[in-house]
C-alpha atoms as a PDB file:
ATOM      1  CA  MET A   1     -24.743 -52.252  82.469  1.00  0.00           C
ATOM      2  CA  GLU A   2     -24.621 -51.232  85.831  1.00  0.00           C
ATOM      3  CA  GLU A   3     -24.879 -53.564  89.199  1.00  0.00           C
ATOM      4  CA  PHE A   4     -27.877 -51.597  91.110  1.00  0.00           C
ATOM      5  CA  VAL A   5     -26.167 -50.705  94.423  1.00  0.00           C
ATOM      6  CA  PRO A   6     -28.326 -50.155  97.380  1.00  0.00           C
ATOM      7  CA  GLY A   7     -27.093 -46.467  98.837  1.00  0.00           C
ATOM      8  CA  GLU A   8     -27.655 -42.939  99.582  1.00  0.00           C
ATOM      9  CA  ILE A   9     -26.049 -40.613  97.146  1.00  0.00           C
ATOM     10  CA  PHE A  10     -23.077 -38.231  98.647  1.00  0.00           C
ATOM     11  CA  SER A  11     -21.005 -35.904  96.845  1.00  0.00           C
ATOM     12  CA  TYR A  12     -17.545 -34.706  97.199  1.00  0.00           C
ATOM     13  CA  ASP A  13     -16.960 -31.018  95.701  1.00  0.00           C
ATOM     14  CA  ALA A  14     -13.512 -29.443  96.013  1.00  0.00           C
ATOM     15  CA  ILE A  15     -11.252 -26.506  94.187  1.00  0.00           C
ATOM     16  CA  ILE A  16      -7.818 -27.995  94.371  1.00  0.00           C
ATOM     17  CA  ASP A  17      -4.674 -26.225  94.119  1.00  0.00           C
ATOM     18  CA  SER A  18      -1.472 -27.024  91.797  1.00  0.00           C
ATOM     19  CA  ASN A  19       0.133 -29.008  94.324  1.00  0.00           C
ATOM     20  CA  GLY A  20      -3.065 -31.616  94.435  1.00  0.00           C
ATOM     21  CA  GLN A  21      -4.068 -30.132  98.352  1.00  0.00           C
ATOM     22  CA  PRO A  22      -7.886 -28.676  98.924  1.00  0.00           C
ATOM     23  CA  LEU A  23      -8.548 -25.448  99.206  1.00  0.00           C
ATOM     24  CA  LEU A  24     -12.325 -25.338  99.495  1.00  0.00           C
ATOM     25  CA  GLU A  25     -14.429 -28.811 100.261  1.00  0.00           C
ATOM     26  CA  THR A  26     -17.996 -29.119 100.463  1.00  0.00           C
ATOM     27  CA  GLY A  27     -20.290 -31.942  99.288  1.00  0.00           C
ATOM     28  CA  ASN A  28     -24.158 -32.717  98.697  1.00  0.00           C
ATOM     29  CA  ASN A  29     -26.662 -35.503  99.891  1.00  0.00           C
ATOM     30  CA  THR A  30     -29.301 -36.616  97.775  1.00  0.00           C
ATOM     31  CA  PRO A  31     -31.550 -39.029 100.244  1.00  0.00           C
ATOM     32  CA  ARG A  32     -33.724 -40.440  97.228  1.00  0.00           C
ATOM     33  CA  SER A  33     -32.849 -42.248  93.990  1.00  0.00           C
ATOM     34  CA  ILE A  34     -32.890 -39.761  91.224  1.00  0.00           C
ATOM     35  CA  MET A  35     -34.119 -42.858  88.670  1.00  0.00           C
ATOM     36  CA  GLU A  36     -37.552 -42.635  90.987  1.00  0.00           C
ATOM     37  CA  ILE A  37     -38.054 -39.365  90.814  1.00  0.00           C
ATOM     38  CA  VAL A  38     -37.804 -38.968  86.929  1.00  0.00           C
ATOM     39  CA  ASN A  39     -39.586 -41.904  86.328  1.00  0.00           C
ATOM     40  CA  ASN A  40     -42.056 -41.575  88.663  1.00  0.00           C
ATOM     41  CA  GLN A  41     -42.105 -37.752  88.284  1.00  0.00           C
ATOM     42  CA  GLU A  42     -42.099 -36.721  92.373  1.00  0.00           C
ATOM     43  CA  SER A  43     -40.773 -34.424  93.998  1.00  0.00           C
ATOM     44  CA  CYS A  44     -36.858 -33.856  93.680  1.00  0.00           C
ATOM     45  CA  PHE A  45     -34.612 -32.222  96.507  1.00  0.00           C
ATOM     46  CA  PHE A  46     -31.081 -32.382  97.674  1.00  0.00           C
ATOM     47  CA  TYR A  47     -29.109 -30.344  99.897  1.00  0.00           C
ATOM     48  CA  ILE A  48     -25.638 -29.076 100.487  1.00  0.00           C
ATOM     49  CA  GLU A  49     -24.092 -30.062 103.732  1.00  0.00           C
ATOM     50  CA  LYS A  50     -23.227 -27.801 106.569  1.00  0.00           C
ATOM     51  CA  GLN A  51     -20.066 -30.201 107.369  1.00  0.00           C
ATOM     52  CA  ILE A  52     -19.008 -33.343 105.150  1.00  0.00           C
ATOM     53  CA  LYS A  53     -18.315 -36.517 107.218  1.00  0.00           C
ATOM     54  CA  ASP A  54     -14.827 -37.592 107.412  1.00  0.00           C
ATOM     55  CA  ASP A  55     -14.751 -40.425 106.007  1.00  0.00           C
ATOM     56  CA  LEU A  56     -16.638 -38.682 102.938  1.00  0.00           C
ATOM     57  CA  ARG A  57     -13.568 -35.979 102.924  1.00  0.00           C
ATOM     58  CA  GLU A  58     -11.000 -39.142 103.290  1.00  0.00           C
ATOM     59  CA  ALA A  59     -12.415 -40.498 100.287  1.00  0.00           C
ATOM     60  CA  GLY A  60     -12.236 -37.385  97.984  1.00  0.00           C
ATOM     61  CA  ARG A  61      -8.909 -36.335  99.181  1.00  0.00           C
ATOM     62  CA  ARG A  62      -7.680 -40.233  98.258  1.00  0.00           C
ATOM     63  CA  CYS A  63      -9.571 -40.176  95.049  1.00  0.00           C
ATOM     64  CA  VAL A  64      -8.009 -36.647  94.059  1.00  0.00           C
ATOM     65  CA  ASP A  65      -4.179 -38.424  95.193  1.00  0.00           C
ATOM     66  CA  ALA A  66      -5.327 -41.622  92.837  1.00  0.00           C
ATOM     67  CA  PHE A  67      -6.429 -39.401  89.765  1.00  0.00           C
ATOM     68  CA  GLY A  68      -2.768 -37.228  90.366  1.00  0.00           C
ATOM     69  CA  ILE A  69      -5.440 -33.324  89.701  1.00  0.00           C
ATOM     70  CA  ARG A  70      -3.933 -30.514  89.845  1.00  0.00           C
ATOM     71  CA  SER A  71      -5.710 -26.949  89.888  1.00  0.00           C
ATOM     72  CA  ARG A  72      -9.490 -28.055  88.985  1.00  0.00           C
ATOM     73  CA  PHE A  73     -12.940 -27.617  90.181  1.00  0.00           C
ATOM     74  CA  ILE A  74     -13.865 -31.466  90.830  1.00  0.00           C
ATOM     75  CA  HIS A  75     -17.130 -32.998  91.630  1.00  0.00           C
ATOM     76  CA  PHE A  76     -17.054 -36.915  92.652  1.00  0.00           C
ATOM     77  CA  GLU A  77     -20.344 -38.791  93.826  1.00  0.00           C
ATOM     78  CA  PHE A  78     -20.060 -42.000  96.182  1.00  0.00           C
ATOM     79  CA  PHE A  79     -22.531 -43.987  97.595  1.00  0.00           C
ATOM     80  CA  ARG A  80     -22.857 -44.590 101.262  1.00  0.00           C
ATOM     81  CA  LEU A  81     -24.419 -47.884 101.811  1.00  0.00           C
ATOM     82  CA  LEU A  82     -27.591 -48.742 102.847  1.00  0.00           C
ATOM     83  CA  GLU A  83     -27.267 -52.213 103.855  1.00  0.00           C
ATOM     84  CA  ASP A  84     -24.302 -54.728 104.285  1.00  0.00           C
ATOM     85  CA  HIS A  85     -23.284 -55.715 100.586  1.00  0.00           C
ATOM     86  CA  ALA A  86     -21.204 -58.745  99.963  1.00  0.00           C
ATOM     87  CA  TYR A  87     -17.970 -57.499  98.428  1.00  0.00           C
ATOM     88  CA  LEU A  88     -18.742 -53.473  98.439  1.00  0.00           C
ATOM     89  CA  GLY A  89     -18.763 -53.676 102.178  1.00  0.00           C
ATOM     90  CA  LYS A  90     -20.843 -53.296 105.543  1.00  0.00           C
ATOM     91  CA  LYS A  91     -23.881 -50.612 105.660  1.00  0.00           C
ATOM     92  CA  GLY A  92     -22.389 -46.883 106.077  1.00  0.00           C
ATOM     93  CA  THR A  93     -19.719 -47.743 103.898  1.00  0.00           C
ATOM     94  CA  ILE A  94     -18.428 -45.106 101.228  1.00  0.00           C
ATOM     95  CA  VAL A  95     -18.552 -46.591  97.479  1.00  0.00           C
ATOM     96  CA  SER A  96     -17.270 -44.587  94.417  1.00  0.00           C
ATOM     97  CA  LEU A  97     -19.670 -43.836  91.678  1.00  0.00           C
ATOM     98  CA  GLU A  98     -18.343 -41.645  89.554  1.00  0.00           C
ATOM     99  CA  ALA A  99     -15.356 -38.506  89.110  1.00  0.00           C
ATOM    100  CA  ASN A 100     -15.775 -35.162  87.135  1.00  0.00           C
ATOM    101  CA  LEU A 101     -13.113 -32.931  86.827  1.00  0.00           C
ATOM    102  CA  ARG A 102     -15.549 -30.139  86.672  1.00  0.00           C
ATOM    103  CA  PRO A 103     -17.652 -28.205  88.604  1.00  0.00           C
ATOM    104  CA  SER A 104     -21.649 -30.018  89.917  1.00  0.00           C
ATOM    105  CA  GLY A 105     -24.286 -28.478  86.875  1.00  0.00           C
ATOM    106  CA  GLY A 106     -27.300 -26.953  87.344  1.00  0.00           C
ATOM    107  CA  PHE A 107     -27.537 -24.651  90.851  1.00  0.00           C
ATOM    108  CA  THR A 108     -24.921 -26.494  92.493  1.00  0.00           C
ATOM    109  CA  PRO A 109     -22.081 -23.763  92.802  1.00  0.00           C
ATOM    110  CA  ASP A 110     -24.631 -21.093  93.562  1.00  0.00           C
ATOM    111  CA  MET A 111     -26.130 -23.580  96.550  1.00  0.00           C
ATOM    112  CA  ILE A 112     -22.163 -24.259  97.197  1.00  0.00           C
ATOM    113  CA  ASN A 113     -22.077 -20.288  97.895  1.00  0.00           C
ATOM    114  CA  TYR A 114     -25.094 -20.350 100.112  1.00  0.00           C
ATOM    115  CA  ALA A 115     -23.979 -22.868 101.912  1.00  0.00           C
ATOM    116  CA  ASN A 116     -20.122 -21.443 102.547  1.00  0.00           C
ATOM    117  CA  SER A 117     -20.658 -17.823 102.795  1.00  0.00           C
ATOM    118  CA  THR A 118     -18.410 -17.424  99.455  1.00  0.00           C
ATOM    119  CA  ASP A 119     -18.426 -17.489  95.975  1.00  0.00           C
ATOM    120  CA  VAL A 120     -16.953 -20.021  93.820  1.00  0.00           C
ATOM    121  CA  TYR A 121     -16.279 -18.296  90.729  1.00  0.00           C
ATOM    122  CA  LYS A 122     -14.249 -15.805  92.361  1.00  0.00           C
ATOM    123  CA  ASP A 123     -12.409 -18.824  94.271  1.00  0.00           C
ATOM    124  CA  TRP A 124     -12.003 -20.598  91.187  1.00  0.00           C
ATOM    125  CA  ALA A 125     -10.183 -17.593  89.583  1.00  0.00           C
ATOM    126  CA  ASP A 126      -7.990 -17.184  93.032  1.00  0.00           C
ATOM    127  CA  MET A 127      -6.662 -20.476  92.493  1.00  0.00           C
ATOM    128  CA  ILE A 128      -5.864 -20.486  89.161  1.00  0.00           C
ATOM    129  CA  THR A 129      -4.382 -16.664  89.467  1.00  0.00           C
ATOM    130  CA  PHE A 130      -2.599 -17.148  92.757  1.00  0.00           C
ATOM    131  CA  ASP A 131      -2.845 -21.080  93.832  1.00  0.00           C
ATOM    132  CA  ARG A 132      -4.659 -19.653  97.071  1.00  0.00           C
ATOM    133  CA  LEU A 133      -8.048 -18.210  98.066  1.00  0.00           C
ATOM    134  CA  SER A 134      -8.828 -14.989  99.527  1.00  0.00           C
ATOM    135  CA  SER A 135     -12.520 -15.766 100.866  1.00  0.00           C
ATOM    136  CA  LYS A 136     -11.981 -16.518 104.893  1.00  0.00           C
ATOM    137  CA  ASP A 137     -11.374 -19.588 106.343  1.00  0.00           C
ATOM    138  CA  ASN A 138     -13.919 -18.973 109.297  1.00  0.00           C
ATOM    139  CA  ALA A 139     -17.022 -18.070 107.032  1.00  0.00           C
ATOM    140  CA  GLU A 140     -20.323 -18.837 108.665  1.00  0.00           C
ATOM    141  CA  LYS A 141     -21.819 -22.522 107.025  1.00  0.00           C
ATOM    142  CA  PHE A 142     -24.949 -23.423 106.403  1.00  0.00           C
ATOM    143  CA  TYR A 143     -27.450 -25.965 104.993  1.00  0.00           C
ATOM    144  CA  CYS A 144     -28.786 -25.525 101.364  1.00  0.00           C
ATOM    145  CA  VAL A 145     -31.640 -27.089 100.155  1.00  0.00           C
ATOM    146  CA  SER A 146     -33.128 -27.428  96.844  1.00  0.00           C
ATOM    147  CA  VAL A 147     -36.533 -28.271  96.214  1.00  0.00           C
ATOM    148  CA  GLY A 148     -38.058 -28.953  92.772  1.00  0.00           C
ATOM    149  CA  LEU A 149     -41.840 -29.145  92.856  1.00  0.00           C
ATOM    150  CA  ARG A 150     -44.482 -30.751  90.026  1.00  0.00           C
ATOM    151  CA  ASP A 151     -47.194 -29.417  88.491  1.00  0.00           C
ATOM    152  CA  SER A 152     -48.530 -32.545  88.200  1.00  0.00           C
ATOM    153  CA  ARG A 153     -48.537 -32.729  92.027  1.00  0.00           C
ATOM    154  CA  HIS A 154     -51.405 -31.624  94.084  1.00  0.00           C
ATOM    155  CA  TYR A 155     -49.709 -30.313  97.145  1.00  0.00           C
ATOM    156  CA  VAL A 156     -51.037 -29.196 100.447  1.00  0.00           C
ATOM    157  CA  HIS A 157     -49.745 -25.719 100.905  1.00  0.00           C
ATOM    158  CA  THR A 158     -49.353 -23.185  97.706  1.00  0.00           C
ATOM    159  CA  GLN A 159     -46.644 -21.008  96.726  1.00  0.00           C
ATOM    160  CA  GLU A 160     -47.723 -17.567  98.582  1.00  0.00           C
ATOM    161  CA  GLU A 161     -48.042 -19.910 102.034  1.00  0.00           C
ATOM    162  CA  ILE A 162     -44.370 -21.029 101.004  1.00  0.00           C
ATOM    163  CA  LEU A 163     -43.518 -17.824 100.409  1.00  0.00           C
ATOM    164  CA  GLN A 164     -45.205 -16.534 103.393  1.00  0.00           C
ATOM    165  CA  LYS A 165     -43.838 -18.455 105.694  1.00  0.00           C
ATOM    166  CA  TYR A 166     -40.337 -18.919 104.784  1.00  0.00           C
ATOM    167  CA  ALA A 167     -39.335 -15.645 103.120  1.00  0.00           C
ATOM    168  CA  ASP A 168     -36.235 -15.074 105.675  1.00  0.00           C
ATOM    169  CA  LYS A 169     -34.803 -18.411 104.172  1.00  0.00           C
ATOM    170  CA  ILE A 170     -35.313 -19.022 100.727  1.00  0.00           C
ATOM    171  CA  VAL A 171     -32.660 -17.269  98.648  1.00  0.00           C
ATOM    172  CA  LEU A 172     -34.329 -18.353  94.923  1.00  0.00           C
ATOM    173  CA  ARG A 173     -37.650 -19.097  93.311  1.00  0.00           C
ATOM    174  CA  GLN A 174     -37.459 -20.179  89.439  1.00  0.00           C
ATOM    175  CA  ARG A 175     -40.027 -21.031  87.158  1.00  0.00           C
ATOM    176  CA  LEU A 176     -37.941 -24.031  85.134  1.00  0.00           C
ATOM    177  CA  PRO A 177     -37.901 -24.177  81.377  1.00  0.00           C
ATOM    178  CA  GLU A 178     -39.203 -27.532  79.986  1.00  0.00           C
ATOM    179  CA  VAL A 179     -36.034 -29.055  79.123  1.00  0.00           C
ATOM    180  CA  LEU A 180     -34.973 -28.816  82.723  1.00  0.00           C
ATOM    181  CA  ALA A 181     -38.426 -29.637  84.676  1.00  0.00           C
ATOM    182  CA  HIS A 182     -38.510 -33.378  83.701  1.00  0.00           C
ATOM    183  CA  GLY A 183     -35.681 -34.078  85.590  1.00  0.00           C
ATOM    184  CA  MET A 184     -35.597 -31.210  88.632  1.00  0.00           C
ATOM    185  CA  GLY A 185     -39.175 -30.355  88.792  1.00  0.00           C
ATOM    186  CA  ASP A 186     -41.371 -27.001  87.484  1.00  0.00           C
ATOM    187  CA  ASN A 187     -40.849 -25.040  90.144  1.00  0.00           C
ATOM    188  CA  LEU A 188     -37.196 -25.123  91.855  1.00  0.00           C
ATOM    189  CA  TYR A 189     -37.190 -23.360  95.777  1.00  0.00           C
ATOM    190  CA  LEU A 190     -33.934 -22.785  97.112  1.00  0.00           C
ATOM    191  CA  ALA A 191     -33.252 -22.262 100.902  1.00  0.00           C
ATOM    192  CA  LYS A 192     -30.574 -21.946 103.374  1.00  0.00           C
ATOM    193  CA  PHE A 193     -30.809 -22.662 106.707  1.00  0.00           C
ATOM    194  CA  SER A 194     -28.170 -23.256 110.032  1.00  0.00           C
ATOM    195  CA  ASP A 195     -30.063 -25.813 111.391  1.00  0.00           C
ATOM    196  CA  LYS A 196     -31.152 -29.301 109.531  1.00  0.00           C
ATOM    197  CA  LYS A 197     -34.018 -29.959 111.628  1.00  0.00           C
ATOM    198  CA  GLU A 198     -35.421 -26.631 110.141  1.00  0.00           C
ATOM    199  CA  MET A 199     -34.433 -27.516 106.470  1.00  0.00           C
ATOM    200  CA  ASP A 200     -35.987 -31.276 107.377  1.00  0.00           C
ATOM    201  CA  GLU A 201     -39.186 -29.098 108.326  1.00  0.00           C
ATOM    202  CA  PHE A 202     -39.206 -26.781 105.130  1.00  0.00           C
ATOM    203  CA  ILE A 203     -38.871 -29.786 103.039  1.00  0.00           C
ATOM    204  CA  ARG A 204     -41.655 -31.785 104.268  1.00  0.00           C
ATOM    205  CA  PHE A 205     -44.040 -28.177 104.263  1.00  0.00           C
ATOM    206  CA  LEU A 206     -43.243 -27.869 100.551  1.00  0.00           C
ATOM    207  CA  ILE A 207     -43.458 -31.874  99.117  1.00  0.00           C
ATOM    208  CA  GLN A 208     -46.586 -32.485 101.026  1.00  0.00           C
ATOM    209  CA  GLU A 209     -49.143 -33.728  99.108  1.00  0.00           C
ATOM    210  CA  GLU A 210     -52.875 -34.078  99.335  1.00  0.00           C
ATOM    211  CA  VAL A 211     -54.256 -37.112 100.470  1.00  0.00           C
END
């Protein structure tokens, strides 16, 4: 049994070299409760940050040091408190949730690729083989968002309208099998954006439901 923590979930995803130094750092933001999304069968969305926040980067690096992690692709999750907590800290404080010594699951590695203009599969191989990355440090960054829509919901905009409006932004549209659909939605869209406001509008456009 675990205490409920009033927080928004962020991740620290990184490829760590043999000296415990990050070669690639990125992370995602999950604005809504995963439990509520699954239990209520709501639309599901999260996104890879264009740039992770400094306090999240510091927390991730401190955990890498604490665990003595070497030559790994990692996925750490944290809460950012949405309100003051008696002993966890003030609103906005980073609180550890879980540590995974592996990449994040699902389509997240692909989302990291789109957001960071890279290939994390090659990056991981470069780390193992050369202990460095061959990708460019100045690669262009984006937000990459995943939106899962459900057959049981009545949305304002059709798939045709979505594809027509955002044809130049969508990088993947896929129907998910039943085993994944319960948690992630029946129809998945991945899209990348330079501007967060444009990404937020994309999310609103997709998940808007009929009244």
